[in-house]
N, C-alpha and C. Protein backbone atom coordinates (compact mmCIF):
# COMPACT_ATOMS: atom_id res chain seq x y z
N UNK A 1 14.00 33.41 -12.59
CA UNK A 1 13.29 32.33 -13.26
C UNK A 1 11.80 32.42 -12.93
N UNK A 2 10.92 32.60 -13.91
CA UNK A 2 9.51 32.74 -13.63
C UNK A 2 8.90 31.44 -13.21
N UNK A 3 7.91 31.52 -12.35
CA UNK A 3 7.21 30.32 -11.89
C UNK A 3 6.33 29.78 -12.98
N UNK A 4 6.19 28.45 -13.06
CA UNK A 4 5.36 27.82 -14.08
C UNK A 4 3.90 28.10 -13.84
N UNK A 5 3.53 28.34 -12.61
CA UNK A 5 2.13 28.53 -12.26
C UNK A 5 2.02 29.77 -11.39
N UNK A 6 0.99 30.54 -11.61
CA UNK A 6 0.80 31.75 -10.82
C UNK A 6 0.61 31.41 -9.35
N UNK A 7 1.16 32.18 -8.44
CA UNK A 7 1.01 31.91 -7.00
C UNK A 7 -0.44 31.96 -6.58
N UNK A 8 -0.77 31.14 -5.62
CA UNK A 8 -2.11 31.12 -5.04
C UNK A 8 -2.21 32.27 -4.05
N UNK A 9 -3.26 33.10 -4.17
CA UNK A 9 -3.36 34.28 -3.31
C UNK A 9 -4.55 34.23 -2.37
N UNK A 10 -5.50 33.38 -2.63
CA UNK A 10 -6.70 33.37 -1.80
C UNK A 10 -6.49 32.49 -0.58
N UNK A 11 -7.04 32.96 0.55
CA UNK A 11 -6.94 32.17 1.77
C UNK A 11 -7.79 30.92 1.68
N UNK A 12 -8.94 31.01 0.98
CA UNK A 12 -9.79 29.84 0.81
C UNK A 12 -9.22 29.02 -0.33
N UNK A 13 -8.25 28.20 -0.01
CA UNK A 13 -7.47 27.47 -0.99
C UNK A 13 -7.70 25.98 -0.83
N UNK A 14 -7.04 25.20 -1.68
CA UNK A 14 -7.14 23.74 -1.59
C UNK A 14 -6.63 23.26 -0.24
N UNK A 15 -5.50 23.79 0.20
CA UNK A 15 -4.94 23.35 1.48
C UNK A 15 -5.86 23.70 2.64
N UNK A 16 -6.48 24.87 2.59
CA UNK A 16 -7.43 25.26 3.64
C UNK A 16 -8.65 24.35 3.61
N UNK A 17 -9.13 24.06 2.40
CA UNK A 17 -10.30 23.19 2.27
C UNK A 17 -10.01 21.79 2.80
N UNK A 18 -8.82 21.26 2.50
CA UNK A 18 -8.45 19.93 2.98
C UNK A 18 -8.34 19.92 4.51
N UNK A 19 -7.77 20.96 5.06
CA UNK A 19 -7.63 21.04 6.52
C UNK A 19 -9.00 21.10 7.19
N UNK A 20 -9.88 21.94 6.66
CA UNK A 20 -11.23 22.07 7.23
C UNK A 20 -12.00 20.77 7.09
N UNK A 21 -11.91 20.15 5.91
CA UNK A 21 -12.63 18.89 5.68
C UNK A 21 -12.13 17.80 6.62
N UNK A 22 -10.82 17.78 6.87
CA UNK A 22 -10.24 16.81 7.80
C UNK A 22 -10.82 16.99 9.20
N UNK A 23 -10.86 18.22 9.65
CA UNK A 23 -11.38 18.51 11.00
C UNK A 23 -12.85 18.11 11.11
N UNK A 24 -13.65 18.54 10.14
CA UNK A 24 -15.09 18.27 10.18
C UNK A 24 -15.38 16.77 10.12
N UNK A 25 -14.71 16.07 9.19
CA UNK A 25 -14.96 14.64 9.01
C UNK A 25 -14.53 13.85 10.24
N UNK A 26 -13.36 14.14 10.78
CA UNK A 26 -12.85 13.37 11.91
C UNK A 26 -13.68 13.59 13.16
N UNK A 27 -14.04 14.84 13.43
CA UNK A 27 -14.86 15.13 14.61
C UNK A 27 -16.26 14.55 14.46
N UNK A 28 -16.78 14.52 13.24
CA UNK A 28 -18.10 13.95 13.00
C UNK A 28 -18.11 12.45 13.26
N UNK A 29 -17.06 11.77 12.83
CA UNK A 29 -16.95 10.33 13.08
C UNK A 29 -16.80 10.07 14.57
N UNK A 30 -16.01 10.88 15.23
CA UNK A 30 -15.84 10.76 16.68
C UNK A 30 -17.19 10.87 17.39
N UNK A 31 -18.00 11.81 16.96
CA UNK A 31 -19.32 11.99 17.57
C UNK A 31 -20.25 10.83 17.24
N UNK A 32 -20.19 10.36 16.00
CA UNK A 32 -21.06 9.25 15.58
C UNK A 32 -20.75 7.98 16.35
N UNK A 33 -19.48 7.75 16.67
CA UNK A 33 -19.07 6.52 17.34
C UNK A 33 -19.25 6.62 18.85
N UNK A 34 -18.80 7.72 19.44
CA UNK A 34 -18.75 7.83 20.90
C UNK A 34 -19.67 8.88 21.50
N UNK A 35 -20.37 9.64 20.66
CA UNK A 35 -21.25 10.68 21.18
C UNK A 35 -20.51 11.90 21.67
N UNK A 36 -19.21 12.00 21.36
CA UNK A 36 -18.39 13.14 21.73
C UNK A 36 -17.54 13.53 20.52
N UNK A 37 -17.43 14.82 20.28
CA UNK A 37 -16.68 15.23 19.09
C UNK A 37 -15.16 15.10 19.29
N UNK A 38 -14.72 15.09 20.55
CA UNK A 38 -13.27 15.03 20.81
C UNK A 38 -12.99 13.78 21.64
N UNK A 39 -12.95 12.64 20.95
CA UNK A 39 -12.75 11.37 21.64
C UNK A 39 -11.82 10.48 20.82
N UNK A 40 -11.39 9.40 21.45
CA UNK A 40 -10.56 8.41 20.75
C UNK A 40 -11.46 7.34 20.15
N UNK A 41 -11.27 7.08 18.87
CA UNK A 41 -12.07 6.08 18.16
C UNK A 41 -11.20 4.86 17.90
N UNK A 42 -11.70 3.68 18.23
CA UNK A 42 -10.92 2.46 17.97
C UNK A 42 -10.72 2.27 16.48
N UNK A 43 -9.50 1.98 16.11
CA UNK A 43 -9.13 1.91 14.70
C UNK A 43 -9.98 0.92 13.90
N UNK A 44 -10.28 -0.28 14.41
CA UNK A 44 -11.12 -1.18 13.61
C UNK A 44 -12.46 -0.58 13.21
N UNK A 45 -13.02 0.29 14.06
CA UNK A 45 -14.31 0.91 13.76
C UNK A 45 -14.20 1.92 12.62
N UNK A 46 -13.02 2.44 12.38
CA UNK A 46 -12.86 3.47 11.36
C UNK A 46 -13.01 2.93 9.94
N UNK A 47 -12.91 1.62 9.79
CA UNK A 47 -13.06 1.06 8.45
C UNK A 47 -14.45 1.33 7.89
N UNK A 48 -15.47 1.24 8.73
CA UNK A 48 -16.83 1.46 8.25
C UNK A 48 -17.08 2.92 7.89
N UNK A 49 -16.19 3.81 8.33
CA UNK A 49 -16.35 5.23 8.04
C UNK A 49 -15.37 5.72 6.96
N UNK A 50 -14.73 4.79 6.28
CA UNK A 50 -13.88 5.18 5.16
C UNK A 50 -12.43 4.78 5.28
N UNK A 51 -12.02 4.13 6.37
CA UNK A 51 -10.65 3.64 6.48
C UNK A 51 -10.37 2.60 5.41
N UNK A 52 -9.09 2.35 5.15
CA UNK A 52 -8.73 1.45 4.06
C UNK A 52 -7.86 0.29 4.54
N UNK A 53 -8.13 -0.90 3.99
CA UNK A 53 -7.30 -2.07 4.20
C UNK A 53 -6.83 -2.58 2.84
N UNK A 54 -5.91 -3.54 2.84
CA UNK A 54 -5.46 -4.11 1.57
C UNK A 54 -6.62 -4.78 0.85
N UNK A 55 -7.52 -5.38 1.59
CA UNK A 55 -8.70 -6.01 0.98
C UNK A 55 -9.56 -4.98 0.26
N UNK A 56 -9.73 -3.82 0.87
CA UNK A 56 -10.50 -2.75 0.23
C UNK A 56 -9.84 -2.28 -1.05
N UNK A 57 -8.52 -2.13 -1.01
CA UNK A 57 -7.80 -1.70 -2.20
C UNK A 57 -7.88 -2.76 -3.29
N UNK A 58 -7.79 -4.03 -2.89
CA UNK A 58 -7.89 -5.14 -3.84
C UNK A 58 -9.26 -5.17 -4.51
N UNK A 59 -10.27 -4.75 -3.78
CA UNK A 59 -11.64 -4.70 -4.32
C UNK A 59 -11.93 -3.38 -5.04
N UNK A 60 -10.89 -2.60 -5.30
CA UNK A 60 -10.99 -1.34 -6.05
C UNK A 60 -11.92 -0.32 -5.39
N UNK A 61 -11.96 -0.33 -4.06
CA UNK A 61 -12.70 0.71 -3.35
C UNK A 61 -11.78 1.93 -3.19
N UNK A 62 -11.45 2.51 -4.35
CA UNK A 62 -10.43 3.54 -4.40
C UNK A 62 -10.87 4.85 -3.77
N UNK A 63 -12.16 5.03 -3.57
CA UNK A 63 -12.64 6.23 -2.89
C UNK A 63 -12.08 6.31 -1.47
N UNK A 64 -11.69 5.16 -0.94
CA UNK A 64 -11.13 5.15 0.41
C UNK A 64 -9.76 5.82 0.48
N UNK A 65 -9.08 5.97 -0.66
CA UNK A 65 -7.80 6.68 -0.66
C UNK A 65 -7.98 8.11 -0.17
N UNK A 66 -9.16 8.67 -0.42
CA UNK A 66 -9.46 10.02 0.06
C UNK A 66 -10.07 10.00 1.45
N UNK A 67 -11.11 9.18 1.64
CA UNK A 67 -11.83 9.21 2.91
C UNK A 67 -10.97 8.75 4.08
N UNK A 68 -10.06 7.80 3.83
CA UNK A 68 -9.22 7.30 4.91
C UNK A 68 -8.34 8.40 5.50
N UNK A 69 -7.99 9.38 4.68
CA UNK A 69 -7.10 10.45 5.15
C UNK A 69 -7.83 11.48 6.02
N UNK A 70 -9.15 11.44 5.99
CA UNK A 70 -9.93 12.45 6.70
C UNK A 70 -10.26 12.06 8.13
N UNK A 71 -10.17 10.77 8.44
CA UNK A 71 -10.62 10.29 9.75
C UNK A 71 -9.43 9.84 10.59
N UNK A 72 -9.57 10.03 11.90
CA UNK A 72 -8.45 9.77 12.82
C UNK A 72 -8.95 9.06 14.07
N UNK A 73 -8.07 8.28 14.65
CA UNK A 73 -8.40 7.63 15.92
C UNK A 73 -8.31 8.64 17.06
N UNK A 74 -7.33 9.54 17.02
CA UNK A 74 -7.12 10.52 18.08
C UNK A 74 -7.27 11.92 17.51
N UNK A 75 -8.15 12.70 18.12
CA UNK A 75 -8.48 14.00 17.57
C UNK A 75 -7.38 15.04 17.78
N UNK A 76 -6.61 14.93 18.84
CA UNK A 76 -5.49 15.85 19.03
C UNK A 76 -4.48 15.67 17.91
N UNK A 77 -4.22 14.43 17.55
CA UNK A 77 -3.32 14.13 16.44
C UNK A 77 -3.89 14.67 15.14
N UNK A 78 -5.20 14.56 14.99
CA UNK A 78 -5.87 15.08 13.80
C UNK A 78 -5.65 16.59 13.66
N UNK A 79 -5.78 17.32 14.77
CA UNK A 79 -5.62 18.77 14.70
C UNK A 79 -4.20 19.16 14.28
N UNK A 80 -3.21 18.43 14.77
CA UNK A 80 -1.84 18.70 14.36
C UNK A 80 -1.67 18.43 12.87
N UNK A 81 -2.25 17.31 12.40
CA UNK A 81 -2.18 17.00 10.98
C UNK A 81 -2.86 18.08 10.14
N UNK A 82 -4.02 18.54 10.59
CA UNK A 82 -4.75 19.56 9.84
C UNK A 82 -3.94 20.85 9.74
N UNK A 83 -3.27 21.22 10.82
CA UNK A 83 -2.43 22.41 10.81
C UNK A 83 -1.29 22.25 9.82
N UNK A 84 -0.65 21.08 9.83
CA UNK A 84 0.46 20.82 8.91
C UNK A 84 -0.01 20.76 7.46
N UNK A 85 -1.18 20.18 7.23
CA UNK A 85 -1.75 20.15 5.89
C UNK A 85 -1.94 21.57 5.38
N UNK A 86 -2.45 22.44 6.24
CA UNK A 86 -2.69 23.82 5.82
C UNK A 86 -1.38 24.57 5.57
N UNK A 87 -0.45 24.50 6.53
CA UNK A 87 0.77 25.29 6.43
C UNK A 87 1.66 24.83 5.27
N UNK A 88 1.93 23.54 5.20
CA UNK A 88 2.76 23.03 4.10
C UNK A 88 2.03 23.11 2.77
N UNK A 89 0.73 22.79 2.80
CA UNK A 89 -0.05 22.86 1.57
C UNK A 89 -0.12 24.27 1.04
N UNK A 90 -0.28 25.24 1.93
CA UNK A 90 -0.31 26.64 1.53
C UNK A 90 1.00 27.05 0.88
N UNK A 91 2.11 26.58 1.46
CA UNK A 91 3.42 26.88 0.89
C UNK A 91 3.56 26.29 -0.51
N UNK A 92 3.14 25.04 -0.66
CA UNK A 92 3.23 24.39 -1.96
C UNK A 92 2.34 25.08 -2.99
N UNK A 93 1.13 25.42 -2.59
CA UNK A 93 0.21 26.08 -3.52
C UNK A 93 0.77 27.38 -4.06
N UNK A 94 1.57 28.06 -3.28
CA UNK A 94 2.11 29.35 -3.71
C UNK A 94 3.05 29.20 -4.91
N UNK A 95 3.55 27.97 -5.14
CA UNK A 95 4.49 27.77 -6.24
C UNK A 95 3.99 26.76 -7.28
N UNK A 96 3.27 25.75 -6.87
CA UNK A 96 2.88 24.72 -7.84
C UNK A 96 1.39 24.71 -8.11
N UNK A 97 0.62 25.51 -7.38
CA UNK A 97 -0.81 25.61 -7.64
C UNK A 97 -1.64 24.61 -6.87
N UNK A 98 -2.93 24.86 -6.84
CA UNK A 98 -3.85 24.03 -6.07
C UNK A 98 -4.04 22.64 -6.62
N UNK A 99 -4.05 22.49 -7.95
CA UNK A 99 -4.29 21.18 -8.54
C UNK A 99 -3.20 20.19 -8.17
N UNK A 100 -1.93 20.62 -8.31
CA UNK A 100 -0.83 19.71 -7.97
C UNK A 100 -0.78 19.43 -6.48
N UNK A 101 -1.12 20.41 -5.68
CA UNK A 101 -1.16 20.20 -4.23
C UNK A 101 -2.22 19.15 -3.89
N UNK A 102 -3.38 19.25 -4.53
CA UNK A 102 -4.44 18.26 -4.30
C UNK A 102 -4.01 16.88 -4.77
N UNK A 103 -3.34 16.80 -5.91
CA UNK A 103 -2.91 15.49 -6.43
C UNK A 103 -1.89 14.84 -5.51
N UNK A 104 -1.01 15.65 -4.92
CA UNK A 104 -0.05 15.09 -3.95
C UNK A 104 -0.81 14.51 -2.76
N UNK A 105 -1.79 15.27 -2.26
CA UNK A 105 -2.60 14.78 -1.14
C UNK A 105 -3.33 13.49 -1.51
N UNK A 106 -3.98 13.48 -2.67
CA UNK A 106 -4.80 12.34 -3.05
C UNK A 106 -3.97 11.12 -3.40
N UNK A 107 -3.00 11.28 -4.28
CA UNK A 107 -2.25 10.13 -4.81
C UNK A 107 -1.16 9.68 -3.85
N UNK A 108 -0.26 10.63 -3.49
CA UNK A 108 0.84 10.26 -2.59
C UNK A 108 0.32 9.95 -1.20
N UNK A 109 -0.51 10.85 -0.66
CA UNK A 109 -1.07 10.63 0.67
C UNK A 109 -1.96 9.42 0.73
N UNK A 110 -2.82 9.24 -0.29
CA UNK A 110 -3.73 8.10 -0.30
C UNK A 110 -3.02 6.77 -0.43
N UNK A 111 -2.03 6.72 -1.32
CA UNK A 111 -1.26 5.48 -1.51
C UNK A 111 -0.51 5.12 -0.23
N UNK A 112 0.13 6.11 0.37
CA UNK A 112 0.88 5.86 1.60
C UNK A 112 -0.04 5.43 2.74
N UNK A 113 -1.25 5.98 2.79
CA UNK A 113 -2.22 5.58 3.82
C UNK A 113 -2.65 4.14 3.62
N UNK A 114 -2.83 3.74 2.37
CA UNK A 114 -3.21 2.35 2.08
C UNK A 114 -2.10 1.38 2.46
N UNK A 115 -0.85 1.82 2.34
CA UNK A 115 0.30 0.98 2.66
C UNK A 115 0.59 0.97 4.16
N UNK A 116 0.16 1.99 4.87
CA UNK A 116 0.55 2.20 6.26
C UNK A 116 0.30 1.01 7.20
N UNK A 117 -0.78 0.22 7.02
CA UNK A 117 -0.99 -0.89 7.97
C UNK A 117 -0.33 -2.20 7.56
N UNK A 118 0.70 -2.14 6.70
CA UNK A 118 1.29 -3.35 6.13
C UNK A 118 1.86 -4.29 7.20
N UNK A 119 2.34 -3.78 8.30
CA UNK A 119 2.96 -4.61 9.34
C UNK A 119 2.03 -4.86 10.53
N UNK A 120 0.76 -4.52 10.36
CA UNK A 120 -0.19 -4.60 11.47
C UNK A 120 -1.20 -5.72 11.22
N UNK A 121 -1.50 -6.46 12.27
CA UNK A 121 -2.42 -7.58 12.15
C UNK A 121 -3.87 -7.10 12.24
N UNK A 122 -4.76 -7.89 11.60
CA UNK A 122 -6.19 -7.61 11.68
C UNK A 122 -6.66 -7.80 13.12
N UNK A 123 -7.67 -7.06 13.57
CA UNK A 123 -8.47 -6.08 12.81
C UNK A 123 -7.95 -4.67 12.88
N UNK A 124 -6.68 -4.52 13.29
CA UNK A 124 -6.11 -3.18 13.47
C UNK A 124 -5.43 -2.67 12.20
N UNK A 125 -5.50 -3.47 11.16
CA UNK A 125 -4.79 -3.14 9.91
C UNK A 125 -5.61 -2.21 9.01
N UNK A 126 -6.03 -1.10 9.55
CA UNK A 126 -6.84 -0.13 8.82
C UNK A 126 -6.04 1.16 8.66
N UNK A 127 -5.82 1.56 7.42
CA UNK A 127 -5.10 2.79 7.16
C UNK A 127 -5.99 4.00 7.34
N UNK A 128 -5.56 4.94 8.15
CA UNK A 128 -6.34 6.15 8.40
C UNK A 128 -5.41 7.32 8.63
N UNK A 129 -5.95 8.52 8.63
CA UNK A 129 -5.24 9.70 9.07
C UNK A 129 -4.51 10.46 7.97
N UNK A 130 -4.21 11.71 8.27
CA UNK A 130 -3.56 12.61 7.31
C UNK A 130 -2.05 12.67 7.47
N UNK A 131 -1.49 11.87 8.37
CA UNK A 131 -0.04 11.92 8.60
C UNK A 131 0.73 11.63 7.32
N UNK A 132 0.26 10.66 6.56
CA UNK A 132 0.97 10.27 5.34
C UNK A 132 0.99 11.42 4.33
N UNK A 133 -0.12 12.15 4.25
CA UNK A 133 -0.16 13.30 3.34
C UNK A 133 0.77 14.41 3.80
N UNK A 134 0.86 14.61 5.12
CA UNK A 134 1.79 15.64 5.61
C UNK A 134 3.23 15.27 5.26
N UNK A 135 3.56 13.99 5.33
CA UNK A 135 4.90 13.55 4.94
C UNK A 135 5.10 13.72 3.44
N UNK A 136 4.06 13.49 2.65
CA UNK A 136 4.16 13.70 1.20
C UNK A 136 4.40 15.18 0.90
N UNK A 137 3.68 16.06 1.58
CA UNK A 137 3.91 17.49 1.43
C UNK A 137 5.33 17.85 1.83
N UNK A 138 5.80 17.25 2.92
CA UNK A 138 7.16 17.53 3.39
C UNK A 138 8.21 17.07 2.38
N UNK A 139 7.97 15.91 1.77
CA UNK A 139 8.91 15.40 0.77
C UNK A 139 8.98 16.31 -0.44
N UNK A 140 7.83 16.75 -0.91
CA UNK A 140 7.79 17.66 -2.06
C UNK A 140 8.45 18.99 -1.72
N UNK A 141 8.16 19.52 -0.54
CA UNK A 141 8.76 20.78 -0.10
C UNK A 141 10.27 20.68 -0.01
N UNK A 142 10.77 19.54 0.46
CA UNK A 142 12.21 19.33 0.58
C UNK A 142 12.90 19.45 -0.76
N UNK A 143 12.35 18.77 -1.78
CA UNK A 143 12.96 18.82 -3.12
C UNK A 143 12.95 20.24 -3.67
N UNK A 144 11.81 20.91 -3.56
CA UNK A 144 11.71 22.27 -4.11
C UNK A 144 12.61 23.25 -3.35
N UNK A 145 12.74 23.06 -2.05
CA UNK A 145 13.61 23.93 -1.26
C UNK A 145 15.07 23.72 -1.62
N UNK A 146 15.46 22.48 -1.87
CA UNK A 146 16.85 22.18 -2.23
C UNK A 146 17.26 22.89 -3.51
N UNK A 147 16.30 23.13 -4.39
CA UNK A 147 16.60 23.79 -5.67
C UNK A 147 16.20 25.27 -5.66
N UNK A 148 15.97 25.81 -4.47
CA UNK A 148 15.78 27.24 -4.34
C UNK A 148 14.43 27.78 -4.70
N UNK A 149 13.43 26.91 -4.81
CA UNK A 149 12.09 27.38 -5.13
C UNK A 149 11.48 28.11 -3.94
N UNK A 150 11.77 27.63 -2.73
CA UNK A 150 11.28 28.25 -1.50
C UNK A 150 12.43 28.87 -0.72
N UNK A 151 12.09 29.79 0.15
CA UNK A 151 13.06 30.24 1.13
C UNK A 151 13.33 29.09 2.08
N UNK A 152 14.58 28.70 2.17
CA UNK A 152 14.90 27.45 2.85
C UNK A 152 14.58 27.46 4.34
N UNK A 153 14.76 28.59 5.00
CA UNK A 153 14.49 28.62 6.44
C UNK A 153 13.03 28.28 6.72
N UNK A 154 12.12 28.88 5.97
CA UNK A 154 10.69 28.61 6.14
C UNK A 154 10.38 27.16 5.77
N UNK A 155 10.91 26.70 4.65
CA UNK A 155 10.64 25.34 4.18
C UNK A 155 11.15 24.31 5.19
N UNK A 156 12.37 24.50 5.70
CA UNK A 156 12.93 23.54 6.66
C UNK A 156 12.16 23.55 7.97
N UNK A 157 11.70 24.73 8.38
CA UNK A 157 10.95 24.82 9.63
C UNK A 157 9.64 24.04 9.54
N UNK A 158 8.90 24.25 8.45
CA UNK A 158 7.63 23.56 8.29
C UNK A 158 7.83 22.06 8.06
N UNK A 159 8.87 21.71 7.33
CA UNK A 159 9.16 20.29 7.11
C UNK A 159 9.52 19.61 8.42
N UNK A 160 10.33 20.28 9.23
CA UNK A 160 10.72 19.73 10.53
C UNK A 160 9.52 19.54 11.44
N UNK A 161 8.52 20.41 11.31
CA UNK A 161 7.30 20.31 12.12
C UNK A 161 6.59 18.99 11.87
N UNK A 162 6.75 18.44 10.68
CA UNK A 162 6.14 17.16 10.33
C UNK A 162 7.09 16.00 10.61
N UNK A 163 8.30 16.09 10.08
CA UNK A 163 9.20 14.95 10.05
C UNK A 163 9.77 14.59 11.42
N UNK A 164 10.25 15.57 12.16
CA UNK A 164 10.90 15.27 13.44
C UNK A 164 9.95 14.62 14.45
N UNK A 165 8.77 15.19 14.72
CA UNK A 165 7.86 14.51 15.66
C UNK A 165 7.37 13.17 15.12
N UNK A 166 7.09 13.12 13.82
CA UNK A 166 6.55 11.89 13.24
C UNK A 166 7.53 10.73 13.34
N UNK A 167 8.75 10.93 12.87
CA UNK A 167 9.74 9.87 12.91
C UNK A 167 10.15 9.54 14.35
N UNK A 168 10.19 10.56 15.22
CA UNK A 168 10.56 10.31 16.61
C UNK A 168 9.53 9.41 17.29
N UNK A 169 8.24 9.71 17.09
CA UNK A 169 7.19 8.89 17.68
C UNK A 169 7.19 7.49 17.09
N UNK A 170 7.50 7.39 15.80
CA UNK A 170 7.61 6.06 15.18
C UNK A 170 8.63 5.20 15.92
N UNK A 171 9.79 5.78 16.16
CA UNK A 171 10.88 5.04 16.79
C UNK A 171 10.60 4.76 18.26
N UNK A 172 9.99 5.72 18.94
CA UNK A 172 9.72 5.55 20.37
C UNK A 172 8.68 4.47 20.63
N UNK A 173 7.57 4.52 19.88
CA UNK A 173 6.45 3.62 20.15
C UNK A 173 6.46 2.34 19.29
N UNK A 174 7.11 2.40 18.13
CA UNK A 174 7.12 1.23 17.27
C UNK A 174 8.47 0.59 17.09
N UNK A 175 9.52 1.36 17.31
CA UNK A 175 10.87 0.84 17.13
C UNK A 175 11.33 0.86 15.68
N UNK A 176 10.53 1.39 14.79
CA UNK A 176 10.89 1.48 13.38
C UNK A 176 10.10 2.62 12.74
N UNK A 177 10.58 3.08 11.58
CA UNK A 177 9.87 4.13 10.86
C UNK A 177 8.66 3.51 10.16
N UNK A 178 7.50 4.10 10.36
CA UNK A 178 6.29 3.54 9.77
C UNK A 178 6.36 3.59 8.24
N UNK A 179 5.99 2.48 7.58
CA UNK A 179 6.04 2.43 6.12
C UNK A 179 5.24 3.55 5.46
N UNK A 180 4.09 3.89 6.04
CA UNK A 180 3.27 4.95 5.45
C UNK A 180 3.98 6.29 5.43
N UNK A 181 4.71 6.58 6.49
CA UNK A 181 5.45 7.84 6.56
C UNK A 181 6.60 7.86 5.55
N UNK A 182 7.33 6.76 5.48
CA UNK A 182 8.46 6.68 4.55
C UNK A 182 7.98 6.76 3.11
N UNK A 183 6.95 5.99 2.78
CA UNK A 183 6.41 5.98 1.41
C UNK A 183 5.82 7.35 1.07
N UNK A 184 5.12 7.96 2.01
CA UNK A 184 4.55 9.28 1.76
C UNK A 184 5.63 10.30 1.44
N UNK A 185 6.70 10.30 2.21
CA UNK A 185 7.80 11.24 1.99
C UNK A 185 8.45 10.98 0.63
N UNK A 186 8.67 9.69 0.31
CA UNK A 186 9.32 9.34 -0.96
C UNK A 186 8.45 9.74 -2.16
N UNK A 187 7.16 9.47 -2.08
CA UNK A 187 6.26 9.85 -3.17
C UNK A 187 6.18 11.37 -3.31
N UNK A 188 6.21 12.05 -2.17
CA UNK A 188 6.22 13.51 -2.21
C UNK A 188 7.46 14.03 -2.93
N UNK A 189 8.60 13.40 -2.69
CA UNK A 189 9.84 13.81 -3.37
C UNK A 189 9.72 13.57 -4.88
N UNK A 190 9.07 12.49 -5.27
CA UNK A 190 8.88 12.22 -6.69
C UNK A 190 8.00 13.30 -7.32
N UNK A 191 6.93 13.66 -6.62
CA UNK A 191 6.09 14.75 -7.10
C UNK A 191 6.89 16.05 -7.17
N UNK A 192 7.74 16.29 -6.18
CA UNK A 192 8.56 17.49 -6.18
C UNK A 192 9.47 17.54 -7.39
N UNK A 193 10.07 16.40 -7.73
CA UNK A 193 10.91 16.34 -8.92
C UNK A 193 10.13 16.61 -10.18
N UNK A 194 8.91 16.10 -10.25
CA UNK A 194 8.06 16.33 -11.41
C UNK A 194 7.69 17.81 -11.53
N UNK A 195 7.31 18.41 -10.41
CA UNK A 195 6.97 19.84 -10.41
C UNK A 195 8.18 20.68 -10.78
N UNK A 196 9.35 20.27 -10.30
CA UNK A 196 10.58 21.00 -10.59
C UNK A 196 10.89 20.93 -12.08
N UNK A 197 10.69 19.76 -12.69
CA UNK A 197 10.93 19.59 -14.12
C UNK A 197 10.01 20.49 -14.93
N UNK A 198 8.75 20.55 -14.54
CA UNK A 198 7.79 21.40 -15.23
C UNK A 198 8.19 22.87 -15.10
N UNK A 199 8.70 23.23 -13.94
CA UNK A 199 9.11 24.62 -13.69
C UNK A 199 10.27 25.00 -14.60
N UNK A 200 11.27 24.12 -14.72
CA UNK A 200 12.43 24.42 -15.56
C UNK A 200 12.04 24.44 -17.04
N UNK A 201 11.18 23.50 -17.44
CA UNK A 201 10.73 23.47 -18.83
C UNK A 201 9.98 24.74 -19.18
N UNK A 202 9.06 25.15 -18.30
CA UNK A 202 8.27 26.35 -18.56
C UNK A 202 9.15 27.59 -18.62
N UNK A 203 10.19 27.62 -17.81
CA UNK A 203 11.07 28.78 -17.78
C UNK A 203 11.87 28.91 -19.08
N UNK A 204 12.03 27.81 -19.80
CA UNK A 204 12.82 27.81 -21.01
C UNK A 204 11.98 27.99 -22.28
N UNK A 205 10.67 27.99 -22.11
CA UNK A 205 9.79 28.23 -23.25
C UNK A 205 9.83 29.70 -23.64
N UNK A 206 9.68 30.00 -24.94
CA UNK A 206 9.65 31.41 -25.36
C UNK A 206 8.51 32.15 -24.66
N UNK A 207 8.80 33.32 -24.12
CA UNK A 207 7.79 34.10 -23.41
C UNK A 207 6.99 34.94 -24.39
N UNK A 208 5.67 34.96 -24.18
CA UNK A 208 4.81 35.77 -25.04
C UNK A 208 4.99 37.25 -24.72
N UNK A 209 4.90 38.07 -25.72
CA UNK A 209 5.00 39.52 -25.52
C UNK A 209 3.74 40.05 -24.87
């Protein structure tokens, strides 16, 4: 079955760009706030640097759907997210292309980030970080792997790199699965279904000579 979109072959790809942008933006904010590039930034302060709250979304500050994903309170966590964004994003790009990979990051990741502080009181109710996008990538990868688009061993390994630590930490420190992670994974699965439908439709179209 031919792929609907040509595989991505360049290393300088959407997933690489997102990972690099995440690292640069988060470390820059860390330096701006604390004078150190590798420091912990208090979550309420991240709102002024692009974090998102329900009030911001209500006021249609939709640019925060992107900026909120680039900044992190803890830089070690940011580096793990950036690695997962690159590895899972690279895998997705190889089959669905850079545009769809970016849309998953922006729409699924951004929406889940906006939802993530739903159970948190002000002023800590600021959605930030790339975790939600990594879960969205994992959700999309899961659907595509189930239907044989990816080699399952690789897909499951990369998905587990996101899901197992993420959900485990949710339960250990919060006692429940974070809404942002759950929503991100679910939206990623929806995107995966959409990409899968396009793949099957394209495969059934008459091929040009």
